[in-house]
PDB file of N, CA and C in Angstrom:
ATOM      1  N   UNK A   1     -54.458 117.158 197.183  1.00  0.00           N
ATOM      2  CA  UNK A   1     -53.865 118.437 197.061  1.00  0.00           C
ATOM      3  C   UNK A   1     -52.461 118.398 197.575  1.00  0.00           C
ATOM      4  N   UNK A   2     -51.677 119.324 197.105  1.00  0.00           N
ATOM      5  CA  UNK A   2     -50.248 119.409 197.562  1.00  0.00           C
ATOM      6  C   UNK A   2     -50.071 120.735 198.276  1.00  0.00           C
ATOM      7  N   UNK A   3     -49.359 120.712 199.362  1.00  0.00           N
ATOM      8  CA  UNK A   3     -49.145 121.909 200.134  1.00  0.00           C
ATOM      9  C   UNK A   3     -47.710 122.351 200.032  1.00  0.00           C
ATOM     10  N   UNK A   4     -47.505 123.668 199.730  1.00  0.00           N
ATOM     11  CA  UNK A   4     -46.160 124.248 199.653  1.00  0.00           C
ATOM     12  C   UNK A   4     -46.086 125.389 200.627  1.00  0.00           C
ATOM     13  N   UNK A   5     -45.043 125.355 201.468  1.00  0.00           N
ATOM     14  CA  UNK A   5     -44.878 126.391 202.502  1.00  0.00           C
ATOM     15  C   UNK A   5     -43.508 126.950 202.342  1.00  0.00           C
ATOM     16  N   UNK A   6     -43.425 128.284 202.099  1.00  0.00           N
ATOM     17  CA  UNK A   6     -42.096 128.928 201.952  1.00  0.00           C
ATOM     18  C   UNK A   6     -41.891 130.020 202.929  1.00  0.00           C
ATOM     19  N   UNK A   7     -40.690 130.312 203.246  1.00  0.00           N
ATOM     20  CA  UNK A   7     -40.353 131.298 204.281  1.00  0.00           C
ATOM     21  C   UNK A   7     -38.826 131.668 204.217  1.00  0.00           C
ATOM     22  N   UNK A   8     -38.451 132.646 204.900  1.00  0.00           N
ATOM     23  CA  UNK A   8     -37.105 133.068 204.908  1.00  0.00           C
ATOM     24  C   UNK A   8     -36.464 132.563 206.257  1.00  0.00           C
ATOM     25  N   UNK A   9     -35.138 132.276 206.168  1.00  0.00           N
ATOM     26  CA  UNK A   9     -34.389 131.796 207.342  1.00  0.00           C
ATOM     27  C   UNK A   9     -33.099 132.580 207.399  1.00  0.00           C
ATOM     28  N   UNK A  10     -32.788 133.163 208.581  1.00  0.00           N
ATOM     29  CA  UNK A  10     -31.521 133.830 208.801  1.00  0.00           C
ATOM     30  C   UNK A  10     -30.405 132.783 208.716  1.00  0.00           C
ATOM     31  N   UNK A  11     -29.275 133.142 208.074  1.00  0.00           N
ATOM     32  CA  UNK A  11     -28.121 132.229 207.999  1.00  0.00           C
ATOM     33  C   UNK A  11     -27.696 131.654 209.312  1.00  0.00           C
ATOM     34  N   UNK A  12     -27.773 132.439 210.409  1.00  0.00           N
ATOM     35  CA  UNK A  12     -27.311 131.992 211.723  1.00  0.00           C
ATOM     36  C   UNK A  12     -28.332 130.979 212.347  1.00  0.00           C
ATOM     37  N   UNK A  13     -29.530 130.925 211.872  1.00  0.00           N
ATOM     38  CA  UNK A  13     -30.558 130.005 212.391  1.00  0.00           C
ATOM     39  C   UNK A  13     -30.711 128.733 211.616  1.00  0.00           C
ATOM     40  N   UNK A  14     -29.947 128.581 210.562  1.00  0.00           N
ATOM     41  CA  UNK A  14     -30.073 127.427 209.612  1.00  0.00           C
ATOM     42  C   UNK A  14     -29.981 126.035 210.328  1.00  0.00           C
ATOM     43  N   UNK A  15     -28.902 125.868 211.053  1.00  0.00           N
ATOM     44  CA  UNK A  15     -28.658 124.549 211.723  1.00  0.00           C
ATOM     45  C   UNK A  15     -29.780 124.195 212.684  1.00  0.00           C
ATOM     46  N   UNK A  16     -30.142 125.109 213.551  1.00  0.00           N
ATOM     47  CA  UNK A  16     -31.181 124.799 214.571  1.00  0.00           C
ATOM     48  C   UNK A  16     -32.536 124.562 213.878  1.00  0.00           C
ATOM     49  N   UNK A  17     -32.854 125.349 212.892  1.00  0.00           N
ATOM     50  CA  UNK A  17     -34.182 125.244 212.244  1.00  0.00           C
ATOM     51  C   UNK A  17     -34.164 123.936 211.403  1.00  0.00           C
ATOM     52  N   UNK A  18     -33.091 123.576 210.780  1.00  0.00           N
ATOM     53  CA  UNK A  18     -33.084 122.330 210.023  1.00  0.00           C
ATOM     54  C   UNK A  18     -33.392 121.113 210.952  1.00  0.00           C
ATOM     55  N   UNK A  19     -32.824 121.070 212.067  1.00  0.00           N
ATOM     56  CA  UNK A  19     -33.163 120.031 213.044  1.00  0.00           C
ATOM     57  C   UNK A  19     -34.577 119.975 213.462  1.00  0.00           C
ATOM     58  N   UNK A  20     -35.128 121.177 213.716  1.00  0.00           N
ATOM     59  CA  UNK A  20     -36.560 121.213 214.119  1.00  0.00           C
ATOM     60  C   UNK A  20     -37.444 120.817 212.947  1.00  0.00           C
ATOM     61  N   UNK A  21     -37.200 121.277 211.720  1.00  0.00           N
ATOM     62  CA  UNK A  21     -38.042 120.945 210.625  1.00  0.00           C
ATOM     63  C   UNK A  21     -37.902 119.473 210.358  1.00  0.00           C
ATOM     64  N   UNK A  22     -36.753 118.917 210.445  1.00  0.00           N
ATOM     65  CA  UNK A  22     -36.538 117.442 210.213  1.00  0.00           C
ATOM     66  C   UNK A  22     -37.427 116.629 211.174  1.00  0.00           C
ATOM     67  N   UNK A  23     -37.355 116.998 212.524  1.00  0.00           N
ATOM     68  CA  UNK A  23     -38.175 116.277 213.464  1.00  0.00           C
ATOM     69  C   UNK A  23     -39.652 116.479 213.200  1.00  0.00           C
ATOM     70  N   UNK A  24     -40.007 117.703 212.881  1.00  0.00           N
ATOM     71  CA  UNK A  24     -41.440 117.999 212.549  1.00  0.00           C
ATOM     72  C   UNK A  24     -41.911 117.163 211.393  1.00  0.00           C
ATOM     73  N   UNK A  25     -41.104 117.066 210.325  1.00  0.00           N
ATOM     74  CA  UNK A  25     -41.486 116.326 209.171  1.00  0.00           C
ATOM     75  C   UNK A  25     -41.572 114.803 209.426  1.00  0.00           C
ATOM     76  N   UNK A  26     -40.658 114.293 210.246  1.00  0.00           N
ATOM     77  CA  UNK A  26     -40.751 112.870 210.658  1.00  0.00           C
ATOM     78  C   UNK A  26     -42.040 112.629 211.439  1.00  0.00           C
ATOM     79  N   UNK A  27     -42.348 113.485 212.309  1.00  0.00           N
ATOM     80  CA  UNK A  27     -43.600 113.341 213.143  1.00  0.00           C
ATOM     81  C   UNK A  27     -44.816 113.350 212.171  1.00  0.00           C
ATOM     82  N   UNK A  28     -44.868 114.287 211.249  1.00  0.00           N
ATOM     83  CA  UNK A  28     -46.000 114.404 210.371  1.00  0.00           C
ATOM     84  C   UNK A  28     -46.058 113.165 209.425  1.00  0.00           C
ATOM     85  N   UNK A  29     -44.949 112.706 208.995  1.00  0.00           N
ATOM     86  CA  UNK A  29     -44.937 111.529 208.073  1.00  0.00           C
ATOM     87  C   UNK A  29     -45.536 110.299 208.883  1.00  0.00           C
ATOM     88  N   UNK A  30     -45.105 110.123 210.151  1.00  0.00           N
ATOM     89  CA  UNK A  30     -45.613 109.009 210.878  1.00  0.00           C
ATOM     90  C   UNK A  30     -47.146 109.139 211.192  1.00  0.00           C
ATOM     91  N   UNK A  31     -47.573 110.351 211.498  1.00  0.00           N
ATOM     92  CA  UNK A  31     -48.979 110.587 211.945  1.00  0.00           C
ATOM     93  C   UNK A  31     -49.934 110.649 210.805  1.00  0.00           C
ATOM     94  N   UNK A  32     -49.427 111.135 209.620  1.00  0.00           N
ATOM     95  CA  UNK A  32     -50.383 111.434 208.488  1.00  0.00           C
ATOM     96  C   UNK A  32     -50.025 110.668 207.199  1.00  0.00           C
ATOM     97  N   UNK A  33     -48.940 109.863 207.237  1.00  0.00           N
ATOM     98  CA  UNK A  33     -48.606 109.094 206.088  1.00  0.00           C
ATOM     99  C   UNK A  33     -48.123 109.924 204.883  1.00  0.00           C
ATOM    100  N   UNK A  34     -47.656 111.166 205.116  1.00  0.00           N
ATOM    101  CA  UNK A  34     -47.158 111.993 204.040  1.00  0.00           C
ATOM    102  C   UNK A  34     -45.680 111.743 203.815  1.00  0.00           C
ATOM    103  N   UNK A  35     -45.145 112.203 202.726  1.00  0.00           N
ATOM    104  CA  UNK A  35     -43.763 112.108 202.306  1.00  0.00           C
ATOM    105  C   UNK A  35     -43.238 113.541 202.137  1.00  0.00           C
ATOM    106  N   UNK A  36     -42.883 114.238 203.215  1.00  0.00           N
ATOM    107  CA  UNK A  36     -42.484 115.606 203.145  1.00  0.00           C
ATOM    108  C   UNK A  36     -41.101 115.782 202.447  1.00  0.00           C
ATOM    109  N   UNK A  37     -40.898 116.978 201.943  1.00  0.00           N
ATOM    110  CA  UNK A  37     -39.676 117.353 201.361  1.00  0.00           C
ATOM    111  C   UNK A  37     -39.243 118.673 201.951  1.00  0.00           C
ATOM    112  N   UNK A  38     -37.930 118.947 202.061  1.00  0.00           N
ATOM    113  CA  UNK A  38     -37.469 120.248 202.423  1.00  0.00           C
ATOM    114  C   UNK A  38     -36.492 120.762 201.394  1.00  0.00           C
ATOM    115  N   UNK A  39     -36.693 121.947 200.880  1.00  0.00           N
ATOM    116  CA  UNK A  39     -35.877 122.497 199.822  1.00  0.00           C
ATOM    117  C   UNK A  39     -35.411 123.922 200.168  1.00  0.00           C
ATOM    118  N   UNK A  40     -34.448 124.387 199.460  1.00  0.00           N
ATOM    119  CA  UNK A  40     -34.071 125.770 199.650  1.00  0.00           C
ATOM    120  C   UNK A  40     -33.699 126.356 198.285  1.00  0.00           C
ATOM    121  N   UNK A  41     -33.859 127.629 198.135  1.00  0.00           N
ATOM    122  CA  UNK A  41     -33.416 128.348 196.993  1.00  0.00           C
ATOM    123  C   UNK A  41     -31.896 128.431 197.064  1.00  0.00           C
ATOM    124  N   UNK A  42     -31.182 128.227 195.953  1.00  0.00           N
ATOM    125  CA  UNK A  42     -29.711 128.392 195.993  1.00  0.00           C
ATOM    126  C   UNK A  42     -29.324 129.755 196.441  1.00  0.00           C
ATOM    127  N   UNK A  43     -28.218 129.853 197.210  1.00  0.00           N
ATOM    128  CA  UNK A  43     -27.709 131.133 197.638  1.00  0.00           C
ATOM    129  C   UNK A  43     -28.499 131.728 198.724  1.00  0.00           C
ATOM    130  N   UNK A  44     -28.038 132.911 199.190  1.00  0.00           N
ATOM    131  CA  UNK A  44     -28.719 133.698 200.184  1.00  0.00           C
ATOM    132  C   UNK A  44     -28.674 135.167 199.727  1.00  0.00           C
ATOM    133  N   UNK A  45     -29.619 135.881 200.265  1.00  0.00           N
ATOM    134  CA  UNK A  45     -29.614 137.339 199.923  1.00  0.00           C
ATOM    135  C   UNK A  45     -29.765 138.164 201.257  1.00  0.00           C
ATOM    136  N   UNK A  46     -28.884 139.050 201.563  1.00  0.00           N
ATOM    137  CA  UNK A  46     -28.878 139.826 202.763  1.00  0.00           C
ATOM    138  C   UNK A  46     -28.901 138.934 204.018  1.00  0.00           C
ATOM    139  N   UNK A  47     -28.206 137.791 204.001  1.00  0.00           N
ATOM    140  CA  UNK A  47     -28.150 136.917 205.142  1.00  0.00           C
ATOM    141  C   UNK A  47     -29.367 136.060 205.324  1.00  0.00           C
ATOM    142  N   UNK A  48     -30.255 135.994 204.309  1.00  0.00           N
ATOM    143  CA  UNK A  48     -31.422 135.224 204.419  1.00  0.00           C
ATOM    144  C   UNK A  48     -31.499 134.168 203.270  1.00  0.00           C
ATOM    145  N   UNK A  49     -31.906 132.980 203.720  1.00  0.00           N
ATOM    146  CA  UNK A  49     -32.212 131.883 202.757  1.00  0.00           C
ATOM    147  C   UNK A  49     -33.672 131.683 202.577  1.00  0.00           C
ATOM    148  N   UNK A  50     -34.148 131.238 201.448  1.00  0.00           N
ATOM    149  CA  UNK A  50     -35.529 130.920 201.238  1.00  0.00           C
ATOM    150  C   UNK A  50     -35.656 129.434 201.263  1.00  0.00           C
ATOM    151  N   UNK A  51     -36.560 128.943 202.165  1.00  0.00           N
ATOM    152  CA  UNK A  51     -36.782 127.515 202.227  1.00  0.00           C
ATOM    153  C   UNK A  51     -38.169 127.192 201.870  1.00  0.00           C
ATOM    154  N   UNK A  52     -38.397 125.981 201.447  1.00  0.00           N
ATOM    155  CA  UNK A  52     -39.724 125.524 201.072  1.00  0.00           C
ATOM    156  C   UNK A  52     -39.923 124.077 201.597  1.00  0.00           C
ATOM    157  N   UNK A  53     -41.064 123.896 202.242  1.00  0.00           N
ATOM    158  CA  UNK A  53     -41.496 122.564 202.697  1.00  0.00           C
ATOM    159  C   UNK A  53     -42.574 122.140 201.702  1.00  0.00           C
ATOM    160  N   UNK A  54     -42.488 120.886 201.254  1.00  0.00           N
ATOM    161  CA  UNK A  54     -43.449 120.361 200.292  1.00  0.00           C
ATOM    162  C   UNK A  54     -44.134 119.149 200.921  1.00  0.00           C
ATOM    163  N   UNK A  55     -45.461 119.144 200.899  1.00  0.00           N
ATOM    164  CA  UNK A  55     -46.235 118.063 201.417  1.00  0.00           C
ATOM    165  C   UNK A  55     -47.184 117.580 200.324  1.00  0.00           C
ATOM    166  N   UNK A  56     -46.790 116.584 199.559  1.00  0.00           N
ATOM    167  CA  UNK A  56     -47.655 116.152 198.453  1.00  0.00           C
ATOM    168  C   UNK A  56     -48.778 115.248 198.936  1.00  0.00           C
ATOM    169  N   UNK A  57     -49.883 115.359 198.182  1.00  0.00           N
ATOM    170  CA  UNK A  57     -51.056 114.457 198.379  1.00  0.00           C
ATOM    171  C   UNK A  57     -51.533 114.384 199.843  1.00  0.00           C
ATOM    172  N   UNK A  58     -51.860 115.548 200.368  1.00  0.00           N
ATOM    173  CA  UNK A  58     -52.387 115.564 201.733  1.00  0.00           C
ATOM    174  C   UNK A  58     -53.846 115.786 201.769  1.00  0.00           C
ATOM    175  N   UNK A  59     -54.487 115.383 202.873  1.00  0.00           N
ATOM    176  CA  UNK A  59     -55.915 115.571 202.997  1.00  0.00           C
ATOM    177  C   UNK A  59     -56.302 116.979 203.501  1.00  0.00           C
ATOM    178  N   UNK A  60     -57.591 117.202 203.527  1.00  0.00           N
ATOM    179  CA  UNK A  60     -58.132 118.526 203.825  1.00  0.00           C
ATOM    180  C   UNK A  60     -57.696 119.102 205.276  1.00  0.00           C
ATOM    181  N   UNK A  61     -57.571 118.226 206.251  1.00  0.00           N
ATOM    182  CA  UNK A  61     -57.246 118.624 207.615  1.00  0.00           C
ATOM    183  C   UNK A  61     -55.737 118.754 207.887  1.00  0.00           C
ATOM    184  N   UNK A  62     -54.924 118.460 206.858  1.00  0.00           N
ATOM    185  CA  UNK A  62     -53.471 118.451 207.083  1.00  0.00           C
ATOM    186  C   UNK A  62     -52.954 119.854 207.386  1.00  0.00           C
ATOM    187  N   UNK A  63     -53.469 120.850 206.765  1.00  0.00           N
ATOM    188  CA  UNK A  63     -52.920 122.217 207.012  1.00  0.00           C
ATOM    189  C   UNK A  63     -53.001 122.665 208.433  1.00  0.00           C
ATOM    190  N   UNK A  64     -54.170 122.304 209.041  1.00  0.00           N
ATOM    191  CA  UNK A  64     -54.330 122.639 210.514  1.00  0.00           C
ATOM    192  C   UNK A  64     -53.403 121.842 211.356  1.00  0.00           C
ATOM    193  N   UNK A  65     -53.152 120.568 211.025  1.00  0.00           N
ATOM    194  CA  UNK A  65     -52.239 119.723 211.779  1.00  0.00           C
ATOM    195  C   UNK A  65     -50.776 120.233 211.658  1.00  0.00           C
ATOM    196  N   UNK A  66     -50.463 120.711 210.476  1.00  0.00           N
ATOM    197  CA  UNK A  66     -49.145 121.340 210.262  1.00  0.00           C
ATOM    198  C   UNK A  66     -48.933 122.570 211.093  1.00  0.00           C
ATOM    199  N   UNK A  67     -49.925 123.476 211.052  1.00  0.00           N
ATOM    200  CA  UNK A  67     -49.869 124.662 211.899  1.00  0.00           C
ATOM    201  C   UNK A  67     -49.727 124.361 213.364  1.00  0.00           C
ATOM    202  N   UNK A  68     -50.433 123.374 213.890  1.00  0.00           N
ATOM    203  CA  UNK A  68     -50.320 123.040 215.297  1.00  0.00           C
ATOM    204  C   UNK A  68     -48.891 122.438 215.584  1.00  0.00           C
ATOM    205  N   UNK A  69     -48.401 121.601 214.700  1.00  0.00           N
ATOM    206  CA  UNK A  69     -47.096 121.000 214.877  1.00  0.00           C
ATOM    207  C   UNK A  69     -45.972 122.044 214.870  1.00  0.00           C
ATOM    208  N   UNK A  70     -46.141 123.055 214.004  1.00  0.00           N
ATOM    209  CA  UNK A  70     -45.175 124.136 213.926  1.00  0.00           C
ATOM    210  C   UNK A  70     -45.166 124.977 215.166  1.00  0.00           C
ATOM    211  N   UNK A  71     -46.337 125.242 215.682  1.00  0.00           N
ATOM    212  CA  UNK A  71     -46.478 126.054 216.938  1.00  0.00           C
ATOM    213  C   UNK A  71     -45.790 125.266 218.122  1.00  0.00           C
ATOM    214  N   UNK A  72     -46.048 123.957 218.195  1.00  0.00           N
ATOM    215  CA  UNK A  72     -45.474 123.140 219.257  1.00  0.00           C
ATOM    216  C   UNK A  72     -44.012 123.032 219.122  1.00  0.00           C
ATOM    217  N   UNK A  73     -43.455 123.082 217.909  1.00  0.00           N
ATOM    218  CA  UNK A  73     -42.022 122.911 217.710  1.00  0.00           C
ATOM    219  C   UNK A  73     -41.223 124.268 217.828  1.00  0.00           C
ATOM    220  N   UNK A  74     -41.962 125.344 217.949  1.00  0.00           N
ATOM    221  CA  UNK A  74     -41.336 126.706 218.061  1.00  0.00           C
ATOM    222  C   UNK A  74     -40.651 127.192 216.710  1.00  0.00           C
ATOM    223  N   UNK A  75     -41.275 126.769 215.662  1.00  0.00           N
ATOM    224  CA  UNK A  75     -40.700 127.180 214.340  1.00  0.00           C
ATOM    225  C   UNK A  75     -40.718 128.668 214.107  1.00  0.00           C
ATOM    226  N   UNK A  76     -41.757 129.322 214.531  1.00  0.00           N
ATOM    227  CA  UNK A  76     -41.876 130.819 214.298  1.00  0.00           C
ATOM    228  C   UNK A  76     -40.710 131.552 214.882  1.00  0.00           C
ATOM    229  N   UNK A  77     -40.091 131.086 215.931  1.00  0.00           N
ATOM    230  CA  UNK A  77     -39.000 131.836 216.548  1.00  0.00           C
ATOM    231  C   UNK A  77     -37.675 131.814 215.672  1.00  0.00           C
ATOM    232  N   UNK A  78     -37.685 130.850 214.741  1.00  0.00           N
ATOM    233  CA  UNK A  78     -36.443 130.725 213.893  1.00  0.00           C
ATOM    234  C   UNK A  78     -36.653 131.039 212.448  1.00  0.00           C
ATOM    235  N   UNK A  79     -37.873 131.267 211.980  1.00  0.00           N
ATOM    236  CA  UNK A  79     -38.150 131.506 210.577  1.00  0.00           C
ATOM    237  C   UNK A  79     -39.040 132.761 210.452  1.00  0.00           C
ATOM    238  N   UNK A  80     -38.958 133.330 209.265  1.00  0.00           N
ATOM    239  CA  UNK A  80     -39.838 134.430 208.965  1.00  0.00           C
ATOM    240  C   UNK A  80     -41.310 133.945 208.757  1.00  0.00           C
ATOM    241  N   UNK A  81     -42.184 134.777 208.431  1.00  0.00           N
ATOM    242  CA  UNK A  81     -43.608 134.448 208.227  1.00  0.00           C
ATOM    243  C   UNK A  81     -43.659 133.279 207.182  1.00  0.00           C
ATOM    244  N   UNK A  82     -44.510 132.320 207.531  1.00  0.00           N
ATOM    245  CA  UNK A  82     -44.693 131.137 206.617  1.00  0.00           C
ATOM    246  C   UNK A  82     -45.852 131.427 205.665  1.00  0.00           C
ATOM    247  N   UNK A  83     -45.610 131.214 204.384  1.00  0.00           N
ATOM    248  CA  UNK A  83     -46.597 131.454 203.330  1.00  0.00           C
ATOM    249  C   UNK A  83     -46.973 130.108 202.790  1.00  0.00           C
ATOM    250  N   UNK A  84     -48.278 129.804 202.756  1.00  0.00           N
ATOM    251  CA  UNK A  84     -48.755 128.495 202.366  1.00  0.00           C
ATOM    252  C   UNK A  84     -49.503 128.619 201.028  1.00  0.00           C
ATOM    253  N   UNK A  85     -49.207 127.756 200.101  1.00  0.00           N
ATOM    254  CA  UNK A  85     -49.892 127.661 198.821  1.00  0.00           C
ATOM    255  C   UNK A  85     -50.402 126.226 198.670  1.00  0.00           C
ATOM    256  N   UNK A  86     -51.557 126.144 198.113  1.00  0.00           N
ATOM    257  CA  UNK A  86     -52.183 124.759 197.796  1.00  0.00           C
ATOM    258  C   UNK A  86     -52.326 124.652 196.324  1.00  0.00           C
ATOM    259  N   UNK A  87     -51.901 123.474 195.811  1.00  0.00           N
ATOM    260  CA  UNK A  87     -52.032 123.160 194.411  1.00  0.00           C
ATOM    261  C   UNK A  87     -52.764 121.800 194.281  1.00  0.00           C
ATOM    262  N   UNK A  88     -53.560 121.684 193.225  1.00  0.00           N
ATOM    263  CA  UNK A  88     -54.265 120.411 192.976  1.00  0.00           C
ATOM    264  C   UNK A  88     -53.872 119.962 191.567  1.00  0.00           C
ATOM    265  N   UNK A  89     -54.016 118.707 191.321  1.00  0.00           N
ATOM    266  CA  UNK A  89     -53.739 118.123 189.999  1.00  0.00           C
ATOM    267  C   UNK A  89     -54.755 118.557 188.975  1.00  0.00           C
ATOM    268  N   UNK A  90     -54.361 118.703 187.769  1.00  0.00           N
ATOM    269  CA  UNK A  90     -55.273 119.104 186.759  1.00  0.00           C
ATOM    270  C   UNK A  90     -56.055 117.940 186.150  1.00  0.00           C
ATOM    271  N   UNK A  91     -55.528 116.742 186.316  1.00  0.00           N
ATOM    272  CA  UNK A  91     -56.221 115.569 185.685  1.00  0.00           C
ATOM    273  C   UNK A  91     -57.006 114.781 186.712  1.00  0.00           C
TER     274      UNK A  91
END
């Protein structure tokens, strides 16, 4: 399964959050063997950017590990509510 997490980021929090997400994704890559991606929607609206973290081909327990890592990194203080979607391959 692939995990997609999207959320809003205030323009003034971008630099700090990018550093935290980068460190978080490096930690998750080392601990879980994932290849994370960080994306954003072009432009901003009302001072907010939309970001998306992508975690392809993760196991069933990965979502809980991601939540724990985000809490430990203080991500919630810099980003809006995180929305998680799970997709699976059709074949």
